[in-house]
Amino acid sequence: MFNSIDLFFDTVLASPALQGLTGTASFFHWFFYGMGGLGGWFIFFLIALAATIWLLYDSGRRRLPATGWKIGVILLLLLMLPTILYKFTVKPVDFEVYDAVKGACNNQEVCPVDYLTVNYPDVGTDCKQICDELPPLTPFGEWIFYLGLLGSVLAPVLLIGYFVTYQGLVGCPQGHVYEASLGQCPECNRLRQPIIVPAAAPAPVYQPPTAAPQPAAPLPPRKPKVNNAWLVDTTNNRRYDLCQGITRIGRSSDNDLVLADPAVSRSHAQIREASGHFTISDLGAKSGTYLNGTRLRNPQILQNGDEITMGDTVLRFISAT
């Protein structure tokens, strides 16, 4: 069976209409008519379909909103529809004949009557009639080919991006996204906590002291802030003061600067102040730390107006010196 198929394509690719085919053109024929006539498009379609089903299933299972990711992967899968229509309406001989007479169809060349008579005696010699009788999608084969490749290749790429963005995260019925390791949604717990109004305290009754009062345990000292530099969240124009020495930044509450951004790591980055100079360093964050659009590989000195990107948060460094 496959020997006859190979012979058929050897004949197709050796025809005068297709002389000088590049590797892309050969791949075009395999994409639509290879694999015993099934077409290699079917493999790409299965890959895109599997990526779409897995993304929809995983986001539903973990209750993740991920609306943009879902719409994107579905649209990429739909890009394969023209490929399916082309495959089942346009035969290889249709493509060959169109390739031979397309110049005449566009009124740029004379209809190659002798060529058609010798190579395709069954299609006639009237180029206008031939073009009118070809399947409607025949002239758009190249565009449909690239469109199908685009949809089938980008669908799994989108799935990888979704997986990296939401790794280790889950959602609650209210649409909040949080770390799966927490076991329950911290935002919902905070909203469920009742507001307790303290009762009026009774009037104090004086009692003579029986023993010397013990001093209360001192609170942990807070880091002193610097006055000549700070960060500003460009989305909500919120100001964050920097600490003297080291300012740790991340999603965890034990940081000096806490960012409520699921794309920010628990310990994301730090800014060190020394002699009025400020240096930013990445702490191995998954999504990375970017300074003016460039990912940090080594500590960098901050200048007034620099933009720092952590996850989906953009902070502008402001220096009054």
C-alpha atoms as a PDB file:
ATOM      1  CA  MET A   1       0.000   0.000   0.000  1.00  0.00           C
ATOM      2  CA  PHE A   2       2.657   2.498   1.048  1.00  0.00           C
ATOM      3  CA  ASN A   3       4.737   1.673  -2.024  1.00  0.00           C
ATOM      4  CA  SER A   4       1.858   2.770  -4.247  1.00  0.00           C
ATOM      5  CA  ILE A   5       1.400   5.921  -2.146  1.00  0.00           C
ATOM      6  CA  ASP A   6       5.102   6.762  -2.442  1.00  0.00           C
ATOM      7  CA  LEU A   7       4.856   6.209  -6.191  1.00  0.00           C
ATOM      8  CA  PHE A   8       1.852   8.539  -6.363  1.00  0.00           C
ATOM      9  CA  PHE A   9       3.678  11.367  -4.563  1.00  0.00           C
ATOM     10  CA  ASP A  10       6.833  10.795  -6.572  1.00  0.00           C
ATOM     11  CA  THR A  11       4.662  11.330  -9.645  1.00  0.00           C
ATOM     12  CA  VAL A  12       3.018  14.422  -8.163  1.00  0.00           C
ATOM     13  CA  LEU A  13       6.277  16.046  -7.102  1.00  0.00           C
ATOM     14  CA  ALA A  14       7.903  15.211 -10.429  1.00  0.00           C
ATOM     15  CA  SER A  15       5.149  16.845 -12.511  1.00  0.00           C
ATOM     16  CA  PRO A  16       6.167  19.980 -14.451  1.00  0.00           C
ATOM     17  CA  ALA A  17       3.706  22.087 -12.458  1.00  0.00           C
ATOM     18  CA  LEU A  18       5.575  21.331  -9.260  1.00  0.00           C
ATOM     19  CA  GLN A  19       9.184  21.390 -10.453  1.00  0.00           C
ATOM     20  CA  GLY A  20      11.588  23.078  -8.039  1.00  0.00           C
ATOM     21  CA  LEU A  21       9.510  22.342  -4.942  1.00  0.00           C
ATOM     22  CA  THR A  22      11.189  23.384  -1.734  1.00  0.00           C
ATOM     23  CA  GLY A  23      11.160  21.350   1.477  1.00  0.00           C
ATOM     24  CA  THR A  24       8.232  23.475   2.622  1.00  0.00           C
ATOM     25  CA  ALA A  25       6.208  22.502  -0.467  1.00  0.00           C
ATOM     26  CA  SER A  26       6.974  18.815   0.099  1.00  0.00           C
ATOM     27  CA  PHE A  27       5.874  19.196   3.690  1.00  0.00           C
ATOM     28  CA  PHE A  28       2.709  20.910   2.396  1.00  0.00           C
ATOM     29  CA  HIS A  29       1.795  17.765   0.445  1.00  0.00           C
ATOM     30  CA  TRP A  30       2.580  15.507   3.380  1.00  0.00           C
ATOM     31  CA  PHE A  31       0.552  17.754   5.703  1.00  0.00           C
ATOM     32  CA  PHE A  32      -2.602  17.388   3.612  1.00  0.00           C
ATOM     33  CA  TYR A  33      -2.205  14.088   1.747  1.00  0.00           C
ATOM     34  CA  GLY A  34       0.541  12.050   3.447  1.00  0.00           C
ATOM     35  CA  MET A  35       0.245   9.093   5.850  1.00  0.00           C
ATOM     36  CA  GLY A  36      -1.703   6.946   3.420  1.00  0.00           C
ATOM     37  CA  GLY A  37      -4.010   9.773   2.408  1.00  0.00           C
ATOM     38  CA  LEU A  38      -5.006  10.649   5.967  1.00  0.00           C
ATOM     39  CA  GLY A  39      -2.721  13.681   6.090  1.00  0.00           C
ATOM     40  CA  GLY A  40      -0.123  14.695   8.658  1.00  0.00           C
ATOM     41  CA  TRP A  41      -2.495  17.462   9.807  1.00  0.00           C
ATOM     42  CA  PHE A  42      -4.295  14.813  11.856  1.00  0.00           C
ATOM     43  CA  ILE A  43      -1.290  14.411  14.188  1.00  0.00           C
ATOM     44  CA  PHE A  44      -1.081  18.164  14.732  1.00  0.00           C
ATOM     45  CA  PHE A  45      -4.833  18.322  15.309  1.00  0.00           C
ATOM     46  CA  LEU A  46      -4.650  15.599  17.980  1.00  0.00           C
ATOM     47  CA  ILE A  47      -1.832  17.479  19.758  1.00  0.00           C
ATOM     48  CA  ALA A  48      -3.820  20.742  19.777  1.00  0.00           C
ATOM     49  CA  LEU A  49      -6.993  18.925  20.864  1.00  0.00           C
ATOM     50  CA  ALA A  50      -5.177  17.158  23.720  1.00  0.00           C
ATOM     51  CA  ALA A  51      -3.674  20.473  24.910  1.00  0.00           C
ATOM     52  CA  THR A  52      -7.116  22.120  24.864  1.00  0.00           C
ATOM     53  CA  ILE A  53      -8.852  19.276  26.735  1.00  0.00           C
ATOM     54  CA  TRP A  54      -6.108  19.069  29.373  1.00  0.00           C
ATOM     55  CA  LEU A  55      -6.116  22.839  30.024  1.00  0.00           C
ATOM     56  CA  LEU A  56      -9.915  22.926  30.373  1.00  0.00           C
ATOM     57  CA  TYR A  57      -9.921  19.841  32.593  1.00  0.00           C
ATOM     58  CA  ASP A  58      -7.076  20.979  34.847  1.00  0.00           C
ATOM     59  CA  SER A  59      -8.419  24.519  35.294  1.00  0.00           C
ATOM     60  CA  GLY A  60     -11.853  23.120  36.162  1.00  0.00           C
ATOM     61  CA  ARG A  61     -10.424  20.550  38.559  1.00  0.00           C
ATOM     62  CA  ARG A  62      -8.379  23.177  40.421  1.00  0.00           C
ATOM     63  CA  ARG A  63     -11.125  25.856  40.139  1.00  0.00           C
ATOM     64  CA  LEU A  64      -8.745  28.260  38.449  1.00  0.00           C
ATOM     65  CA  PRO A  65     -10.360  31.165  36.570  1.00  0.00           C
ATOM     66  CA  ALA A  66      -7.711  31.220  33.755  1.00  0.00           C
ATOM     67  CA  THR A  67     -10.308  32.699  31.385  1.00  0.00           C
ATOM     68  CA  GLY A  68      -7.769  34.163  28.974  1.00  0.00           C
ATOM     69  CA  TRP A  69      -5.852  30.882  28.746  1.00  0.00           C
ATOM     70  CA  LYS A  70      -9.069  28.928  28.019  1.00  0.00           C
ATOM     71  CA  ILE A  71     -10.210  31.324  25.288  1.00  0.00           C
ATOM     72  CA  GLY A  72      -6.729  31.394  23.748  1.00  0.00           C
ATOM     73  CA  VAL A  73      -6.320  27.617  23.478  1.00  0.00           C
ATOM     74  CA  ILE A  74      -9.854  27.187  22.070  1.00  0.00           C
ATOM     75  CA  LEU A  75      -9.227  29.859  19.417  1.00  0.00           C
ATOM     76  CA  LEU A  76      -5.949  28.171  18.440  1.00  0.00           C
ATOM     77  CA  LEU A  77      -7.768  24.848  18.053  1.00  0.00           C
ATOM     78  CA  LEU A  78     -10.371  26.545  15.834  1.00  0.00           C
ATOM     79  CA  LEU A  79      -7.547  27.643  13.511  1.00  0.00           C
ATOM     80  CA  MET A  80      -7.417  23.986  12.419  1.00  0.00           C
ATOM     81  CA  LEU A  81     -10.971  24.107  10.979  1.00  0.00           C
ATOM     82  CA  PRO A  82      -9.909  25.581   7.584  1.00  0.00           C
ATOM     83  CA  THR A  83      -7.291  22.812   7.363  1.00  0.00           C
ATOM     84  CA  ILE A  84      -9.958  20.136   7.840  1.00  0.00           C
ATOM     85  CA  LEU A  85     -12.225  21.758   5.229  1.00  0.00           C
ATOM     86  CA  TYR A  86      -9.336  22.042   2.752  1.00  0.00           C
ATOM     87  CA  LYS A  87      -8.283  18.439   3.265  1.00  0.00           C
ATOM     88  CA  PHE A  88     -11.746  17.037   2.504  1.00  0.00           C
ATOM     89  CA  THR A  89     -12.616  19.360  -0.416  1.00  0.00           C
ATOM     90  CA  VAL A  90      -9.363  19.866  -2.345  1.00  0.00           C
ATOM     91  CA  LYS A  91      -7.685  16.855  -3.996  1.00  0.00           C
ATOM     92  CA  PRO A  92      -3.976  16.769  -4.947  1.00  0.00           C
ATOM     93  CA  VAL A  93      -4.827  17.067  -8.647  1.00  0.00           C
ATOM     94  CA  ASP A  94      -6.855  20.229  -7.902  1.00  0.00           C
ATOM     95  CA  PHE A  95      -3.755  21.803  -6.382  1.00  0.00           C
ATOM     96  CA  GLU A  96      -1.627  20.727  -9.365  1.00  0.00           C
ATOM     97  CA  VAL A  97      -4.036  22.121 -11.933  1.00  0.00           C
ATOM     98  CA  TYR A  98      -4.451  25.397 -10.064  1.00  0.00           C
ATOM     99  CA  ASP A  99      -0.676  25.759  -9.744  1.00  0.00           C
ATOM    100  CA  ALA A 100      -0.447  25.341 -13.534  1.00  0.00           C
ATOM    101  CA  VAL A 101      -3.176  27.825 -14.511  1.00  0.00           C
ATOM    102  CA  LYS A 102      -3.221  30.348 -11.645  1.00  0.00           C
ATOM    103  CA  GLY A 103      -1.415  32.939 -13.761  1.00  0.00           C
ATOM    104  CA  ALA A 104      -4.100  32.691 -16.406  1.00  0.00           C
ATOM    105  CA  CYS A 105      -6.782  32.788 -13.711  1.00  0.00           C
ATOM    106  CA  ASN A 106      -5.373  36.134 -12.599  1.00  0.00           C
ATOM    107  CA  ASN A 107      -5.270  37.359 -16.244  1.00  0.00           C
ATOM    108  CA  GLN A 108      -1.486  37.669 -16.079  1.00  0.00           C
ATOM    109  CA  GLU A 109      -0.576  34.820 -18.420  1.00  0.00           C
ATOM    110  CA  VAL A 110      -1.978  32.955 -21.416  1.00  0.00           C
ATOM    111  CA  CYS A 111      -3.775  29.722 -20.566  1.00  0.00           C
ATOM    112  CA  PRO A 112      -1.265  26.820 -21.007  1.00  0.00           C
ATOM    113  CA  VAL A 113      -3.521  24.785 -23.355  1.00  0.00           C
ATOM    114  CA  ASP A 114      -0.772  22.447 -24.634  1.00  0.00           C
ATOM    115  CA  TYR A 115       0.409  21.690 -21.116  1.00  0.00           C
ATOM    116  CA  LEU A 116      -3.121  20.908 -19.935  1.00  0.00           C
ATOM    117  CA  THR A 117      -3.866  18.731 -22.951  1.00  0.00           C
ATOM    118  CA  VAL A 118      -0.787  16.575 -22.350  1.00  0.00           C
ATOM    119  CA  ASN A 119      -0.827  16.352 -18.545  1.00  0.00           C
ATOM    120  CA  TYR A 120      -4.487  16.780 -17.584  1.00  0.00           C
ATOM    121  CA  PRO A 121      -6.664  15.776 -20.542  1.00  0.00           C
ATOM    122  CA  ASP A 122      -9.757  15.390 -18.351  1.00  0.00           C
ATOM    123  CA  VAL A 123      -9.933  18.980 -17.074  1.00  0.00           C
ATOM    124  CA  GLY A 124     -10.417  20.771 -20.399  1.00  0.00           C
ATOM    125  CA  THR A 125      -8.493  23.696 -21.872  1.00  0.00           C
ATOM    126  CA  ASP A 126     -10.587  26.681 -20.820  1.00  0.00           C
ATOM    127  CA  CYS A 127      -8.647  28.242 -17.916  1.00  0.00           C
ATOM    128  CA  LYS A 128     -11.535  30.426 -16.771  1.00  0.00           C
ATOM    129  CA  GLN A 129     -13.860  27.425 -16.675  1.00  0.00           C
ATOM    130  CA  ILE A 130     -11.207  25.355 -14.886  1.00  0.00           C
ATOM    131  CA  CYS A 131     -10.768  28.025 -12.186  1.00  0.00           C
ATOM    132  CA  ASP A 132     -14.548  28.299 -11.751  1.00  0.00           C
ATOM    133  CA  GLU A 133     -14.896  24.533 -11.296  1.00  0.00           C
ATOM    134  CA  LEU A 134     -12.048  24.081  -8.793  1.00  0.00           C
ATOM    135  CA  PRO A 135     -13.063  23.771  -5.085  1.00  0.00           C
ATOM    136  CA  PRO A 136     -13.408  27.258  -3.521  1.00  0.00           C
ATOM    137  CA  LEU A 137     -10.553  26.777  -1.055  1.00  0.00           C
ATOM    138  CA  THR A 138      -7.986  25.700  -3.677  1.00  0.00           C
ATOM    139  CA  PRO A 139      -6.335  29.162  -4.126  1.00  0.00           C
ATOM    140  CA  PHE A 140      -5.903  29.553  -0.359  1.00  0.00           C
ATOM    141  CA  GLY A 141      -4.017  26.321   0.296  1.00  0.00           C
ATOM    142  CA  GLU A 142      -0.771  27.981   1.384  1.00  0.00           C
ATOM    143  CA  TRP A 143      -2.502  30.328   3.861  1.00  0.00           C
ATOM    144  CA  ILE A 144      -4.593  27.479   5.280  1.00  0.00           C
ATOM    145  CA  PHE A 145      -1.447  25.368   5.625  1.00  0.00           C
ATOM    146  CA  TYR A 146       0.368  27.985   7.719  1.00  0.00           C
ATOM    147  CA  LEU A 147      -2.792  28.763   9.699  1.00  0.00           C
ATOM    148  CA  GLY A 148      -3.175  25.107  10.657  1.00  0.00           C
ATOM    149  CA  LEU A 149       0.478  24.847  11.672  1.00  0.00           C
ATOM    150  CA  LEU A 150       0.177  28.012  13.752  1.00  0.00           C
ATOM    151  CA  GLY A 151      -2.859  26.775  15.684  1.00  0.00           C
ATOM    152  CA  SER A 152      -1.532  23.266  16.282  1.00  0.00           C
ATOM    153  CA  VAL A 153       1.932  24.399  17.442  1.00  0.00           C
ATOM    154  CA  LEU A 154       0.871  27.333  19.633  1.00  0.00           C
ATOM    155  CA  ALA A 155      -1.822  25.365  21.505  1.00  0.00           C
ATOM    156  CA  PRO A 156       0.688  23.196  23.451  1.00  0.00           C
ATOM    157  CA  VAL A 157       2.937  26.263  23.914  1.00  0.00           C
ATOM    158  CA  LEU A 158      -0.021  28.039  25.528  1.00  0.00           C
ATOM    159  CA  LEU A 159      -0.599  24.990  27.718  1.00  0.00           C
ATOM    160  CA  ILE A 160       3.008  25.153  28.962  1.00  0.00           C
ATOM    161  CA  GLY A 161       2.596  28.854  29.785  1.00  0.00           C
ATOM    162  CA  TYR A 162      -0.598  28.086  31.732  1.00  0.00           C
ATOM    163  CA  PHE A 163       1.119  25.292  33.660  1.00  0.00           C
ATOM    164  CA  VAL A 164       4.091  27.492  34.636  1.00  0.00           C
ATOM    165  CA  THR A 165       1.839  30.405  35.693  1.00  0.00           C
ATOM    166  CA  TYR A 166      -0.513  28.351  37.883  1.00  0.00           C
ATOM    167  CA  GLN A 167       1.911  25.735  39.186  1.00  0.00           C
ATOM    168  CA  GLY A 168       1.087  24.950  42.833  1.00  0.00           C
ATOM    169  CA  LEU A 169      -2.019  27.196  42.856  1.00  0.00           C
ATOM    170  CA  VAL A 170      -5.713  26.366  43.276  1.00  0.00           C
ATOM    171  CA  GLY A 171      -8.909  28.403  43.363  1.00  0.00           C
ATOM    172  CA  CYS A 172     -11.927  28.627  45.645  1.00  0.00           C
ATOM    173  CA  PRO A 173     -15.636  28.875  44.658  1.00  0.00           C
ATOM    174  CA  GLN A 174     -15.411  32.658  45.130  1.00  0.00           C
ATOM    175  CA  GLY A 175     -12.718  32.963  42.456  1.00  0.00           C
ATOM    176  CA  HIS A 176      -9.738  33.575  44.777  1.00  0.00           C
ATOM    177  CA  VAL A 177      -6.414  31.965  43.791  1.00  0.00           C
ATOM    178  CA  TYR A 178      -4.071  30.750  46.539  1.00  0.00           C
ATOM    179  CA  GLU A 179      -1.253  28.305  47.274  1.00  0.00           C
ATOM    180  CA  ALA A 180      -2.500  24.701  47.364  1.00  0.00           C
ATOM    181  CA  SER A 181      -0.199  24.014  50.326  1.00  0.00           C
ATOM    182  CA  LEU A 182      -2.341  26.337  52.507  1.00  0.00           C
ATOM    183  CA  GLY A 183      -5.234  23.862  52.380  1.00  0.00           C
ATOM    184  CA  GLN A 184      -7.941  26.558  52.388  1.00  0.00           C
ATOM    185  CA  CYS A 185      -8.515  29.996  50.958  1.00  0.00           C
ATOM    186  CA  PRO A 186      -7.049  32.655  53.301  1.00  0.00           C
ATOM    187  CA  GLU A 187      -9.182  35.404  51.733  1.00  0.00           C
ATOM    188  CA  CYS A 188     -12.442  33.515  52.367  1.00  0.00           C
ATOM    189  CA  ASN A 189     -11.366  32.758  55.960  1.00  0.00           C
ATOM    190  CA  ARG A 190     -10.695  36.426  56.541  1.00  0.00           C
ATOM    191  CA  LEU A 191     -14.144  37.390  55.228  1.00  0.00           C
ATOM    192  CA  ARG A 192     -15.860  34.724  57.352  1.00  0.00           C
ATOM    193  CA  GLN A 193     -14.332  35.891  60.616  1.00  0.00           C
ATOM    194  CA  PRO A 194     -17.035  37.635  62.702  1.00  0.00           C
ATOM    195  CA  ILE A 195     -16.575  41.235  63.734  1.00  0.00           C
ATOM    196  CA  ILE A 196     -16.473  41.233  67.532  1.00  0.00           C
ATOM    197  CA  VAL A 197     -17.505  44.434  69.267  1.00  0.00           C
ATOM    198  CA  PRO A 198     -15.913  44.511  72.724  1.00  0.00           C
ATOM    199  CA  ALA A 199     -18.328  45.002  75.618  1.00  0.00           C
ATOM    200  CA  ALA A 200     -17.990  48.056  77.777  1.00  0.00           C
ATOM    201  CA  ALA A 201     -15.386  47.404  80.432  1.00  0.00           C
ATOM    202  CA  PRO A 202     -16.482  47.877  84.086  1.00  0.00           C
ATOM    203  CA  ALA A 203     -15.091  50.798  85.996  1.00  0.00           C
ATOM    204  CA  PRO A 204     -11.696  49.902  87.417  1.00  0.00           C
ATOM    205  CA  VAL A 205     -11.479  49.266  91.136  1.00  0.00           C
ATOM    206  CA  TYR A 206      -8.312  50.444  92.776  1.00  0.00           C
ATOM    207  CA  GLN A 207      -6.318  47.745  94.502  1.00  0.00           C
ATOM    208  CA  PRO A 208      -3.012  48.392  96.158  1.00  0.00           C
ATOM    209  CA  PRO A 209      -0.157  46.667  94.397  1.00  0.00           C
ATOM    210  CA  THR A 210       1.006  43.512  96.088  1.00  0.00           C
ATOM    211  CA  ALA A 211       4.173  43.153  94.079  1.00  0.00           C
ATOM    212  CA  ALA A 212       6.309  45.152  91.709  1.00  0.00           C
ATOM    213  CA  PRO A 213       4.809  44.996  88.202  1.00  0.00           C
ATOM    214  CA  GLN A 214       6.762  43.020  85.656  1.00  0.00           C
ATOM    215  CA  PRO A 215       7.742  44.917  82.501  1.00  0.00           C
ATOM    216  CA  ALA A 216       5.885  43.813  79.398  1.00  0.00           C
ATOM    217  CA  ALA A 217       7.813  41.824  76.818  1.00  0.00           C
ATOM    218  CA  PRO A 218       9.243  44.243  74.269  1.00  0.00           C
ATOM    219  CA  LEU A 219       7.848  44.125  70.733  1.00  0.00           C
ATOM    220  CA  PRO A 220      10.287  43.075  68.007  1.00  0.00           C
ATOM    221  CA  PRO A 221      11.956  46.204  66.659  1.00  0.00           C
ATOM    222  CA  ARG A 222      10.754  47.445  63.293  1.00  0.00           C
ATOM    223  CA  LYS A 223      13.319  48.264  60.674  1.00  0.00           C
ATOM    224  CA  PRO A 224      13.893  52.020  60.306  1.00  0.00           C
ATOM    225  CA  LYS A 225      12.843  53.436  56.947  1.00  0.00           C
ATOM    226  CA  VAL A 226      14.896  55.555  54.578  1.00  0.00           C
ATOM    227  CA  ASN A 227      13.587  59.008  53.708  1.00  0.00           C
ATOM    228  CA  ASN A 228      15.216  59.609  50.338  1.00  0.00           C
ATOM    229  CA  ALA A 229      13.916  56.621  48.297  1.00  0.00           C
ATOM    230  CA  TRP A 230      10.796  54.499  47.895  1.00  0.00           C
ATOM    231  CA  LEU A 231       8.852  52.294  45.447  1.00  0.00           C
ATOM    232  CA  VAL A 232       5.574  53.159  43.706  1.00  0.00           C
ATOM    233  CA  ASP A 233       3.135  50.534  42.324  1.00  0.00           C
ATOM    234  CA  THR A 234       2.364  51.879  38.831  1.00  0.00           C
ATOM    235  CA  THR A 235      -1.064  50.162  38.769  1.00  0.00           C
ATOM    236  CA  ASN A 236      -2.660  51.690  41.865  1.00  0.00           C
ATOM    237  CA  ASN A 237      -0.084  54.446  42.597  1.00  0.00           C
ATOM    238  CA  ARG A 238       0.595  52.926  46.015  1.00  0.00           C
ATOM    239  CA  ARG A 239       3.826  53.912  47.762  1.00  0.00           C
ATOM    240  CA  TYR A 240       6.098  51.414  49.533  1.00  0.00           C
ATOM    241  CA  ASP A 241       8.828  52.702  51.876  1.00  0.00           C
ATOM    242  CA  LEU A 242      12.244  51.053  51.809  1.00  0.00           C
ATOM    243  CA  CYS A 243      14.115  49.930  54.935  1.00  0.00           C
ATOM    244  CA  GLN A 244      17.595  50.849  55.984  1.00  0.00           C
ATOM    245  CA  GLY A 245      19.911  47.941  55.237  1.00  0.00           C
ATOM    246  CA  ILE A 246      17.916  45.210  53.465  1.00  0.00           C
ATOM    247  CA  THR A 247      14.291  45.317  52.249  1.00  0.00           C
ATOM    248  CA  ARG A 248      12.964  41.832  51.445  1.00  0.00           C
ATOM    249  CA  ILE A 249      10.126  41.653  48.886  1.00  0.00           C
ATOM    250  CA  GLY A 250       7.729  38.763  48.200  1.00  0.00           C
ATOM    251  CA  ARG A 251       4.287  37.266  48.654  1.00  0.00           C
ATOM    252  CA  SER A 252       4.957  35.843  52.144  1.00  0.00           C
ATOM    253  CA  SER A 253       3.826  37.936  55.139  1.00  0.00           C
ATOM    254  CA  ASP A 254       7.278  37.792  56.775  1.00  0.00           C
ATOM    255  CA  ASN A 255       8.740  40.064  54.069  1.00  0.00           C
ATOM    256  CA  ASP A 256       9.360  43.763  54.634  1.00  0.00           C
ATOM    257  CA  LEU A 257       7.315  44.535  51.498  1.00  0.00           C
ATOM    258  CA  VAL A 258       4.417  42.125  50.855  1.00  0.00           C
ATOM    259  CA  LEU A 259       2.911  41.910  47.312  1.00  0.00           C
ATOM    260  CA  ALA A 260      -0.501  40.212  46.956  1.00  0.00           C
ATOM    261  CA  ASP A 261       0.301  38.878  43.480  1.00  0.00           C
ATOM    262  CA  PRO A 262       0.000  35.108  42.793  1.00  0.00           C
ATOM    263  CA  ALA A 263       2.746  35.357  40.165  1.00  0.00           C
ATOM    264  CA  VAL A 264       5.211  36.710  42.788  1.00  0.00           C
ATOM    265  CA  SER A 265       7.272  34.133  44.726  1.00  0.00           C
ATOM    266  CA  ARG A 266       7.097  33.905  48.507  1.00  0.00           C
ATOM    267  CA  SER A 267      10.639  35.330  48.717  1.00  0.00           C
ATOM    268  CA  HIS A 268      11.110  37.090  45.386  1.00  0.00           C
ATOM    269  CA  ALA A 269      13.806  39.781  45.610  1.00  0.00           C
ATOM    270  CA  GLN A 270      15.627  42.146  47.961  1.00  0.00           C
ATOM    271  CA  ILE A 271      16.920  45.727  47.857  1.00  0.00           C
ATOM    272  CA  ARG A 272      20.069  46.572  49.830  1.00  0.00           C
ATOM    273  CA  GLU A 273      20.756  50.162  50.967  1.00  0.00           C
ATOM    274  CA  ALA A 274      24.321  51.210  51.675  1.00  0.00           C
ATOM    275  CA  SER A 275      25.676  54.769  51.860  1.00  0.00           C
ATOM    276  CA  GLY A 276      22.673  56.134  49.976  1.00  0.00           C
ATOM    277  CA  HIS A 277      22.975  53.602  47.121  1.00  0.00           C
ATOM    278  CA  PHE A 278      20.346  50.917  46.474  1.00  0.00           C
ATOM    279  CA  THR A 279      21.092  47.548  44.901  1.00  0.00           C
ATOM    280  CA  ILE A 280      18.414  45.025  43.798  1.00  0.00           C
ATOM    281  CA  SER A 281      18.966  41.250  43.719  1.00  0.00           C
ATOM    282  CA  ASP A 282      16.754  38.347  42.626  1.00  0.00           C
ATOM    283  CA  LEU A 283      16.230  35.586  45.242  1.00  0.00           C
ATOM    284  CA  GLY A 284      15.669  32.750  42.757  1.00  0.00           C
ATOM    285  CA  ALA A 285      12.044  33.621  41.926  1.00  0.00           C
ATOM    286  CA  LYS A 286      10.328  31.287  39.433  1.00  0.00           C
ATOM    287  CA  SER A 287       8.987  34.115  37.283  1.00  0.00           C
ATOM    288  CA  GLY A 288      12.202  36.118  37.638  1.00  0.00           C
ATOM    289  CA  THR A 289      12.848  39.767  38.455  1.00  0.00           C
ATOM    290  CA  TYR A 290      13.115  42.265  35.580  1.00  0.00           C
ATOM    291  CA  LEU A 291      14.830  45.662  35.680  1.00  0.00           C
ATOM    292  CA  ASN A 292      13.674  47.949  32.845  1.00  0.00           C
ATOM    293  CA  GLY A 293      12.564  44.852  30.891  1.00  0.00           C
ATOM    294  CA  THR A 294      15.801  42.867  31.351  1.00  0.00           C
ATOM    295  CA  ARG A 295      15.878  39.819  33.624  1.00  0.00           C
ATOM    296  CA  LEU A 296      18.236  40.153  36.572  1.00  0.00           C
ATOM    297  CA  ARG A 297      21.118  37.713  36.576  1.00  0.00           C
ATOM    298  CA  ASN A 298      23.343  39.670  38.967  1.00  0.00           C
ATOM    299  CA  PRO A 299      22.726  42.471  41.509  1.00  0.00           C
ATOM    300  CA  GLN A 300      22.162  45.852  39.856  1.00  0.00           C
ATOM    301  CA  ILE A 301      22.341  49.410  41.254  1.00  0.00           C
ATOM    302  CA  LEU A 302      18.990  51.214  41.030  1.00  0.00           C
ATOM    303  CA  GLN A 303      18.646  54.619  39.406  1.00  0.00           C
ATOM    304  CA  ASN A 304      15.792  57.096  39.820  1.00  0.00           C
ATOM    305  CA  GLY A 305      12.853  56.089  37.585  1.00  0.00           C
ATOM    306  CA  ASP A 306      13.929  52.453  37.089  1.00  0.00           C
ATOM    307  CA  GLU A 307      11.020  50.018  36.614  1.00  0.00           C
ATOM    308  CA  ILE A 308      11.093  46.710  38.507  1.00  0.00           C
ATOM    309  CA  THR A 309       8.773  43.918  37.332  1.00  0.00           C
ATOM    310  CA  MET A 310       7.890  41.015  39.662  1.00  0.00           C
ATOM    311  CA  GLY A 311       5.184  38.711  38.338  1.00  0.00           C
ATOM    312  CA  ASP A 312       2.337  40.973  37.186  1.00  0.00           C
ATOM    313  CA  THR A 313       3.411  43.870  39.447  1.00  0.00           C
ATOM    314  CA  VAL A 314       5.448  46.816  38.130  1.00  0.00           C
ATOM    315  CA  LEU A 315       7.213  49.004  40.719  1.00  0.00           C
ATOM    316  CA  ARG A 316       8.981  52.290  39.947  1.00  0.00           C
ATOM    317  CA  PHE A 317      12.030  53.211  42.008  1.00  0.00           C
ATOM    318  CA  ILE A 318      11.965  56.851  43.143  1.00  0.00           C
ATOM    319  CA  SER A 319      15.062  58.522  44.605  1.00  0.00           C
ATOM    320  CA  ALA A 320      15.010  62.012  46.069  1.00  0.00           C
ATOM    321  CA  THR A 321      18.813  62.334  46.057  1.00  0.00           C
END
